[in-house]
Protein backbone atom coordinates (compact mmCIF):
# COMPACT_ATOMS: atom_id res chain seq x y z
CA UNK A 1 114.63 80.32 97.05
CA UNK A 2 112.60 83.41 95.97
CA UNK A 3 110.10 85.77 97.57
CA UNK A 4 106.98 87.24 96.07
CA UNK A 5 106.92 90.89 95.24
CA UNK A 6 103.86 93.08 94.31
CA UNK A 7 104.82 95.97 92.08
CA UNK A 8 102.41 98.97 92.03
CA UNK A 9 102.64 101.34 89.08
CA UNK A 10 99.99 104.13 89.31
CA UNK A 11 100.18 104.94 85.57
CA UNK A 12 97.18 107.14 85.52
CA UNK A 13 96.33 107.45 89.22
CA UNK A 14 94.95 105.54 92.22
CA UNK A 15 91.33 104.58 93.17
CA UNK A 16 89.83 101.70 94.98
CA UNK A 17 88.00 100.29 91.87
CA UNK A 18 91.27 100.59 89.85
CA UNK A 19 93.05 98.48 92.43
CA UNK A 20 90.34 95.80 92.45
CA UNK A 21 90.23 95.85 88.68
CA UNK A 22 93.96 95.20 88.43
CA UNK A 23 93.78 92.40 90.92
CA UNK A 24 91.02 90.77 88.97
CA UNK A 25 93.05 91.11 85.74
CA UNK A 26 96.06 89.79 87.63
CA UNK A 27 94.20 86.57 88.44
CA UNK A 28 92.13 87.09 91.58
CA UNK A 29 89.48 84.35 91.56
CA UNK A 30 86.09 85.93 90.86
CA UNK A 31 84.36 83.34 92.99
CA UNK A 32 86.61 84.22 95.96
CA UNK A 33 85.88 87.95 95.50
CA UNK A 34 82.04 87.22 95.22
CA UNK A 35 82.14 84.96 98.28
CA UNK A 36 83.60 87.73 100.51
CA UNK A 37 81.48 90.57 98.97
CA UNK A 38 78.27 88.55 99.73
CA UNK A 39 79.27 88.64 103.42
CA UNK A 40 78.95 92.53 103.31
CA UNK A 41 75.74 92.81 101.18
CA UNK A 42 76.52 91.98 97.46
CA UNK A 43 73.15 91.29 95.84
CA UNK A 44 71.30 92.92 98.68
CA UNK A 45 72.80 96.35 99.26
CA UNK A 46 74.87 96.65 96.10
CA UNK A 47 75.67 94.83 92.86
CA UNK A 48 79.02 94.11 91.04
CA UNK A 49 79.66 94.96 87.37
CA UNK A 50 83.00 94.08 85.74
CA UNK A 51 83.66 95.03 82.15
CA UNK A 52 86.67 94.79 79.76
CA UNK A 53 87.72 98.16 78.53
CA UNK A 54 90.62 99.85 76.72
CA UNK A 55 92.75 102.79 77.78
CA UNK A 56 95.10 104.04 75.05
CA UNK A 57 94.94 100.62 73.42
CA UNK A 58 95.75 98.67 76.66
CA UNK A 59 93.10 96.14 77.83
CA UNK A 60 91.96 96.56 81.49
CA UNK A 61 89.22 95.60 83.85
CA UNK A 62 86.77 98.19 85.03
CA UNK A 63 84.86 97.57 88.30
CA UNK A 64 81.58 99.27 89.54
CA UNK A 65 79.39 98.73 92.49
CA UNK A 66 75.92 100.20 91.83
CA UNK A 67 73.90 100.65 94.92
CA UNK A 68 70.45 98.76 95.37
CA UNK A 69 67.30 100.05 96.89
CA UNK A 70 67.91 98.41 100.29
CA UNK A 71 71.11 100.60 100.67
CA UNK A 72 68.83 103.60 101.15
CA UNK A 73 67.16 101.96 104.11
CA UNK A 74 70.38 100.46 105.56
CA UNK A 75 73.16 102.98 104.70
CA UNK A 76 76.83 102.10 104.83
CA UNK A 77 78.70 102.73 108.12
CA UNK A 78 79.82 106.35 108.29
CA UNK A 79 82.21 106.33 111.43
CA UNK A 80 85.21 104.36 112.33
CA UNK A 81 83.29 102.62 115.19
CA UNK A 82 80.47 101.77 112.86
CA UNK A 83 82.96 100.36 110.28
CA UNK A 84 84.60 98.17 113.02
CA UNK A 85 81.25 96.96 114.27
CA UNK A 86 80.01 96.15 110.76
CA UNK A 87 83.11 94.30 109.75
CA UNK A 88 83.47 92.42 113.13
CA UNK A 89 79.92 91.01 112.64
CA UNK A 90 80.68 89.49 109.25
CA UNK A 91 82.24 86.21 108.66
CA UNK A 92 85.14 87.47 106.58
CA UNK A 93 88.51 85.76 107.04
CA UNK A 94 90.51 87.28 109.95
CA UNK A 95 93.30 88.53 107.68
CA UNK A 96 90.88 90.14 105.24
CA UNK A 97 89.24 91.93 108.25
CA UNK A 98 92.54 93.13 109.68
CA UNK A 99 93.68 94.59 106.17
CA UNK A 100 90.29 96.41 105.96
CA UNK A 101 90.75 97.93 109.43
CA UNK A 102 94.23 99.10 108.44
CA UNK A 103 92.99 100.85 105.30
CA UNK A 104 90.04 102.44 107.00
CA UNK A 105 92.20 103.63 109.89
CA UNK A 106 94.42 105.47 107.46
CA UNK A 107 91.45 107.16 105.85
CA UNK A 108 90.06 108.14 109.28
CA UNK A 109 93.42 109.44 110.47
CA UNK A 110 93.79 111.48 107.26
CA UNK A 111 90.32 112.97 107.55
CA UNK A 112 90.95 113.72 111.27
CA UNK A 113 94.18 115.53 110.41
CA UNK A 114 92.49 117.60 107.69
CA UNK A 115 89.45 118.68 109.83
CA UNK A 116 91.49 119.14 113.08
CA UNK A 117 89.28 116.42 114.86
CA UNK A 118 89.85 112.90 116.19
CA UNK A 119 89.46 109.54 114.54
CA UNK A 120 86.51 108.71 116.75
CA UNK A 121 84.55 111.83 115.60
CA UNK A 122 85.30 111.64 111.93
CA UNK A 123 82.16 111.07 109.68
CA UNK A 124 82.88 109.58 106.33
CA UNK A 125 81.10 111.28 103.37
CA UNK A 126 82.18 110.38 99.87
CA UNK A 127 84.15 107.38 101.19
CA UNK A 128 81.26 106.31 103.32
CA UNK A 129 79.21 104.36 100.80
CA UNK A 130 78.97 100.70 99.96
CA UNK A 131 81.15 101.05 96.79
CA UNK A 132 84.05 102.21 99.10
CA UNK A 133 83.41 99.39 101.50
CA UNK A 134 83.24 96.89 98.63
CA UNK A 135 86.52 98.18 97.07
CA UNK A 136 88.41 97.91 100.32
CA UNK A 137 87.08 94.42 101.14
CA UNK A 138 87.83 93.42 97.61
CA UNK A 139 91.45 94.73 97.79
CA UNK A 140 91.86 93.01 101.19
CA UNK A 141 90.58 89.78 99.75
CA UNK A 142 93.19 90.12 96.87
CA UNK A 143 96.03 90.79 99.24
CA UNK A 144 95.03 87.68 101.28
CA UNK A 145 94.97 85.76 98.00
CA UNK A 146 98.34 86.83 96.47
CA UNK A 147 100.08 87.16 99.89
CA UNK A 148 103.06 89.36 98.85
CA UNK A 149 106.13 89.43 101.04
CA UNK A 150 107.21 92.91 99.88
CA UNK A 151 106.00 95.65 97.55
CA UNK A 152 107.62 97.84 94.97
CA UNK A 153 106.05 101.27 94.48
CA UNK A 154 106.42 103.97 91.85
CA UNK A 155 105.76 107.67 92.19
CA UNK A 156 102.11 108.75 92.11
CA UNK A 157 100.84 111.22 89.44
CA UNK A 158 98.75 114.08 90.85
CA UNK A 159 96.10 116.02 89.07
CA UNK A 160 95.19 119.65 89.41
CA UNK A 161 92.19 121.88 89.54
CA UNK A 162 89.20 121.91 91.89
CA UNK A 163 86.41 119.43 92.77
CA UNK A 164 83.00 119.92 94.53
CA UNK A 165 82.37 117.54 97.50
CA UNK A 166 80.40 117.48 100.77
CA UNK A 167 82.61 120.09 102.47
CA UNK A 168 82.50 122.54 99.51
CA UNK A 169 84.93 123.30 96.61
CA UNK A 170 88.23 121.52 97.28
CA UNK A 171 91.75 121.82 95.51
CA UNK A 172 93.04 118.76 93.65
CA UNK A 173 94.51 116.64 95.17
CA UNK A 174 92.03 117.00 97.97
CA UNK A 175 93.50 117.53 101.40
CA UNK A 176 92.82 113.94 102.54
CA UNK A 177 94.86 112.64 99.63
CA UNK A 178 97.70 115.01 100.48
CA UNK A 179 97.71 113.72 104.04
CA UNK A 180 97.65 110.16 102.99
CA UNK A 181 100.46 110.54 100.53
CA UNK A 182 102.78 112.30 102.96
CA UNK A 183 106.27 110.86 102.87
CA UNK A 184 105.64 109.01 99.46
CA UNK A 185 106.96 109.90 96.07
CA UNK A 186 104.63 111.86 93.82
CA UNK A 187 104.82 114.15 90.76
CA UNK A 188 102.66 116.72 89.03
CA UNK A 189 101.05 115.30 85.86
CA UNK A 190 99.53 118.58 84.60
CA UNK A 191 96.13 116.84 84.05
CA UNK A 192 93.12 118.96 85.28
CA UNK A 193 91.27 116.10 86.99
CA UNK A 194 91.18 114.07 90.21
CA UNK A 195 93.74 111.23 89.54
CA UNK A 196 93.98 109.98 93.12
CA UNK A 197 90.94 109.40 95.36
CA UNK A 198 91.12 109.07 99.16
CA UNK A 199 90.31 105.44 99.00
CA UNK A 200 93.03 104.72 96.42
CA UNK A 201 95.60 106.73 98.40
CA UNK A 202 94.63 104.81 101.69
CA UNK A 203 95.14 101.49 99.99
CA UNK A 204 98.45 102.65 98.58
CA UNK A 205 99.57 104.00 101.98
CA UNK A 206 98.56 100.77 103.74
CA UNK A 207 100.55 98.73 101.19
CA UNK A 208 103.60 100.94 101.57
CA UNK A 209 103.48 100.64 105.39
CA UNK A 210 102.27 97.11 106.00
CA UNK A 211 104.76 95.41 103.75
CA UNK A 212 108.57 95.84 103.36
CA UNK A 213 109.48 98.06 100.48
CA UNK A 214 111.31 96.21 97.75
CA UNK A 215 114.39 98.20 96.73
CA UNK A 216 116.75 95.67 95.18
CA UNK A 217 117.63 95.31 91.48
CA UNK A 218 117.49 91.92 89.73
CA UNK A 219 114.08 90.47 89.90
CA UNK A 220 111.75 88.43 87.65
CA UNK A 221 108.47 89.74 86.48
CA UNK A 222 105.36 87.50 86.54
CA UNK A 223 101.74 88.16 85.55
CA UNK A 224 100.58 91.71 85.06
CA UNK A 225 97.07 93.14 85.62
CA UNK A 226 95.48 96.53 84.74
CA UNK A 227 92.68 98.26 86.41
CA UNK A 228 90.86 101.12 84.68
CA UNK A 229 89.47 104.39 86.02
CA UNK A 230 86.27 105.89 84.57
CA UNK A 231 87.68 108.78 82.61
CA UNK A 232 89.75 108.95 79.45
CA UNK A 233 92.79 111.21 79.54
CA UNK A 234 94.74 112.24 76.50
CA UNK A 235 97.95 112.81 78.51
CA UNK A 236 98.21 109.34 79.93
CA UNK A 237 96.19 106.11 80.18
CA UNK A 238 93.94 106.14 83.14
CA UNK A 239 95.23 102.87 84.50
CA UNK A 240 96.82 101.29 87.54
CA UNK A 241 99.24 98.42 86.79
CA UNK A 242 99.91 95.61 89.23
CA UNK A 243 102.59 92.98 88.60
CA UNK A 244 103.56 89.92 90.71
CA UNK A 245 107.34 89.31 90.61
CA UNK A 246 109.91 87.24 92.40
CA UNK A 247 113.24 88.11 93.91
CA UNK A 248 116.13 85.92 94.93
CA UNK A 249 116.27 85.60 98.75
CA UNK A 250 119.82 84.56 98.79
CA UNK A 251 120.01 80.86 99.80
CA UNK A 252 122.69 81.37 102.46
CA UNK A 253 120.41 83.69 104.58
CA UNK A 254 117.36 82.71 106.49
CA UNK A 255 115.26 85.98 106.06
CA UNK A 256 113.02 84.92 108.99
CA UNK A 257 115.83 85.09 111.46
CA UNK A 258 117.10 88.67 110.81
CA UNK A 259 115.41 92.05 110.59
CA UNK A 260 115.85 93.46 107.08
CA UNK A 261 115.24 97.19 106.71
CA UNK A 262 115.94 99.81 104.01
CA UNK A 263 118.57 102.47 104.71
CA UNK A 264 120.32 105.27 103.04
CA UNK A 265 124.14 105.91 102.81
CA UNK A 266 125.38 109.45 102.34
CA UNK A 267 129.03 110.21 101.53
CA UNK A 268 131.00 113.46 101.31
CA UNK A 269 134.61 114.02 100.55
CA UNK A 270 136.33 116.81 102.66
CA UNK A 271 139.78 118.28 102.02
CA UNK A 272 139.58 121.60 103.80
CA UNK A 273 138.25 120.67 107.22
CA UNK A 274 140.47 119.86 110.25
CA UNK A 275 140.29 116.44 111.85
CA UNK A 276 138.96 117.98 115.06
CA UNK A 277 136.01 119.51 113.20
CA UNK A 278 135.39 116.25 111.30
CA UNK A 279 135.24 114.43 114.72
CA UNK A 280 132.89 116.97 116.08
CA UNK A 281 130.67 116.66 112.98
CA UNK A 282 130.56 112.92 113.40
CA UNK A 283 129.31 113.27 116.89
CA UNK A 284 126.62 115.75 115.92
CA UNK A 285 125.39 113.45 113.12
CA UNK A 286 124.97 110.66 115.53
CA UNK A 287 122.88 112.89 117.75
CA UNK A 288 120.88 113.78 114.64
CA UNK A 289 119.87 110.10 114.22
CA UNK A 290 122.64 108.65 112.11
CA UNK A 291 122.90 104.88 112.60
CA UNK A 292 126.71 104.95 112.03
CA UNK A 293 129.33 107.46 110.83
CA UNK A 294 132.76 106.40 109.63
CA UNK A 295 135.66 108.19 107.90
CA UNK A 296 138.84 107.12 106.12
CA UNK A 297 141.75 109.13 104.59
CA UNK A 298 142.11 109.68 100.89
CA UNK A 299 144.58 111.48 98.54
CA UNK A 300 142.91 114.09 96.44
CA UNK A 301 143.82 116.23 93.55
CA UNK A 302 146.94 118.38 93.79
CA UNK A 303 148.26 116.12 96.43
CA UNK A 304 145.83 117.36 99.06
CA UNK A 305 144.96 114.95 101.95
CA UNK A 306 141.29 114.59 102.70
CA UNK A 307 138.69 112.26 104.32
CA UNK A 308 135.62 110.51 103.11
CA UNK A 309 132.76 110.69 105.47
CA UNK A 310 130.18 108.00 105.26
CA UNK A 311 126.86 108.32 107.07
CA UNK A 312 124.32 105.45 107.42
CA UNK A 313 120.80 106.48 108.31
CA UNK A 314 117.05 105.79 108.11
CA UNK A 315 115.07 107.74 105.53
CA UNK A 316 113.06 109.50 108.27
CA UNK A 317 116.32 111.17 109.54
CA UNK A 318 117.57 112.17 106.09
CA UNK A 319 116.43 115.82 106.04
CA UNK A 320 117.90 116.65 109.35
CA UNK A 321 121.21 114.92 108.57
CA UNK A 322 121.61 116.54 105.09
CA UNK A 323 121.02 119.94 106.72
CA UNK A 324 123.62 119.18 109.39
CA UNK A 325 126.22 118.17 106.84
CA UNK A 326 125.66 121.34 104.61
CA UNK A 327 125.59 123.68 107.63
CA UNK A 328 128.65 122.29 109.38
CA UNK A 329 131.01 121.29 106.66
CA UNK A 330 132.30 123.12 103.59
CA UNK A 331 131.09 120.47 101.18
CA UNK A 332 129.10 121.40 98.08
CA UNK A 333 127.59 118.06 97.31
CA UNK A 334 126.52 114.81 98.96
CA UNK A 335 126.39 111.40 97.30
CA UNK A 336 123.38 109.27 98.08
CA UNK A 337 122.84 105.52 97.86
CA UNK A 338 119.69 103.48 98.79
CA UNK A 339 120.03 99.98 100.03
CA UNK A 340 119.00 97.43 102.63
CA UNK A 341 120.69 95.90 105.68
CA UNK A 342 120.26 92.89 107.89
CA UNK A 343 120.67 93.63 111.52
CA UNK A 344 120.45 92.08 114.99
CA UNK A 345 118.38 93.33 117.84
CA UNK A 346 120.58 94.45 120.68
CA UNK A 347 120.42 95.41 124.42
CA UNK A 348 122.75 96.39 127.14
CA UNK A 349 122.63 94.18 130.31
CA UNK A 350 124.61 94.18 133.51
CA UNK A 351 126.03 90.87 134.94
CA UNK A 352 127.58 89.93 138.14
CA UNK A 353 130.86 87.89 137.63
CA UNK A 354 133.56 86.71 140.05
CA UNK A 355 135.44 89.83 139.05
CA UNK A 356 132.68 92.19 139.73
CA UNK A 357 129.71 93.67 137.81
CA UNK A 358 130.14 94.29 133.98
CA UNK A 359 127.90 95.63 131.23
CA UNK A 360 127.56 93.57 128.12
CA UNK A 361 125.92 94.23 124.63
CA UNK A 362 123.75 91.35 123.79
CA UNK A 363 122.88 90.72 120.08
CA UNK A 364 119.92 88.53 119.20
CA UNK A 365 118.17 87.34 116.00
CA UNK A 366 114.37 87.65 115.60
CA UNK A 367 113.72 84.45 117.40
CA UNK A 368 115.62 85.60 120.52
CA UNK A 369 118.67 83.44 119.96
CA UNK A 370 121.86 85.04 121.28
CA UNK A 371 124.26 85.65 118.33
CA UNK A 372 126.97 87.69 120.09
CA UNK A 373 128.04 88.91 123.51
CA UNK A 374 130.35 91.83 123.93
CA UNK A 375 131.59 93.16 127.23
CA UNK A 376 131.73 97.03 127.43
CA UNK A 377 135.34 98.10 126.86
CA UNK A 378 135.47 100.71 129.69
CA UNK A 379 134.29 98.10 132.23
CA UNK A 380 136.83 95.64 130.98
CA UNK A 381 139.67 98.20 131.44
CA UNK A 382 138.44 99.18 134.93
CA UNK A 383 138.11 95.66 136.24
CA UNK A 384 141.33 94.42 134.61
CA UNK A 385 143.28 97.25 136.27
CA UNK A 386 141.57 96.48 139.66
CA UNK A 387 142.76 92.86 139.37
CA UNK A 388 146.14 93.60 137.94
CA UNK A 389 145.57 91.49 134.93
CA UNK A 390 146.54 92.15 131.36
CA UNK A 391 143.45 93.35 129.38
CA UNK A 392 143.49 90.61 126.74
CA UNK A 393 143.78 87.79 129.16
CA UNK A 394 141.14 89.45 131.34
CA UNK A 395 138.76 89.68 128.44
CA UNK A 396 139.21 85.90 127.76
CA UNK A 397 138.37 85.09 131.44
CA UNK A 398 135.22 87.21 131.30
CA UNK A 399 133.97 85.76 128.03
CA UNK A 400 134.56 82.23 129.42
CA UNK A 401 132.56 83.05 132.56
CA UNK A 402 129.79 84.69 130.47
CA UNK A 403 129.44 81.48 128.45
CA UNK A 404 128.36 79.67 131.63
CA UNK A 405 125.64 82.33 132.08
CA UNK A 406 124.33 82.02 128.51
CA UNK A 407 121.06 80.51 129.70
CA UNK A 408 120.29 83.65 131.65
CA UNK A 409 120.92 85.81 128.56
């Protein structure tokens, strides 16, 4: 079995029309796109132009949404409340509407952060016209059509310079784009132009947050589509590349039963730190957010004995944990690996048994099925001693009794 992966490669930048052009080149049915755009004013408030172009010899699709006269009388919604009202009154498919809300919410949140305001008070300017609305509805239609299970994303190239907008002269990338790309990988392209628009950044951010990030190696590439930006750049083709691929699920595992999340492993080798200090560091790393910290002894050069310290963590906690390792250990380097893990949801519950009350760790899959029950060791020791029973035998008795309570778990 395989799962569908959407790979996003912002070769020359990000914009709403580049996303939509790439999806059309990828195979998004034009009739399906037109059907949904007509529900928000295609042919009445705006028109749709698609053309085949070349960027550095690569064929791509360019999309434009020229405004029509009626748009001046009925302007596009300019606030988040107006956007919600407008989209709710359409007959767009529910999933398309939900994706549109997610993208617009990220746009509004970024604008609110930049202007020190609230989402409710934000007034869309450049991103408040029908072409932006059409881009977002079109991309939402494409995502509903291709229905990816995860996304693979590459770093985003940023331009430099300044641009004039409704708020005055802004540095490139504009502050809203910087806010939207926070936490995502970017790099300086050296191109003096706006390569990433707020709409493109909002779509990219939504894709990165709404879908699991694909981090495995070994996948199959399928069809590829290119969406073109308006400008030509000598330094790199002004294109966005989208590719649909597939990755092996692993037939022995039912992905729907277990949570799969990305994680990072850090490792350091220590040969000049006492065991007591290593133990203290392990405790502090757990407080800093590490999911797990383990160590094992190793023989190092010149016969020195040392330990390898392995730390498992989420990316959000990486900075704090790296700082902790460097500040509280003598190491000069940290090895880093990125991977994924399946894990079970867990909770601690207290149960009344014939021997007394005992805490248990209950592990469940995503469907709520109990996969494991483990009594807390300290409670087992206390109760075993109070009943003058060997610990191993007492644990067997407790587990047997807990099995009869499984329906309550």
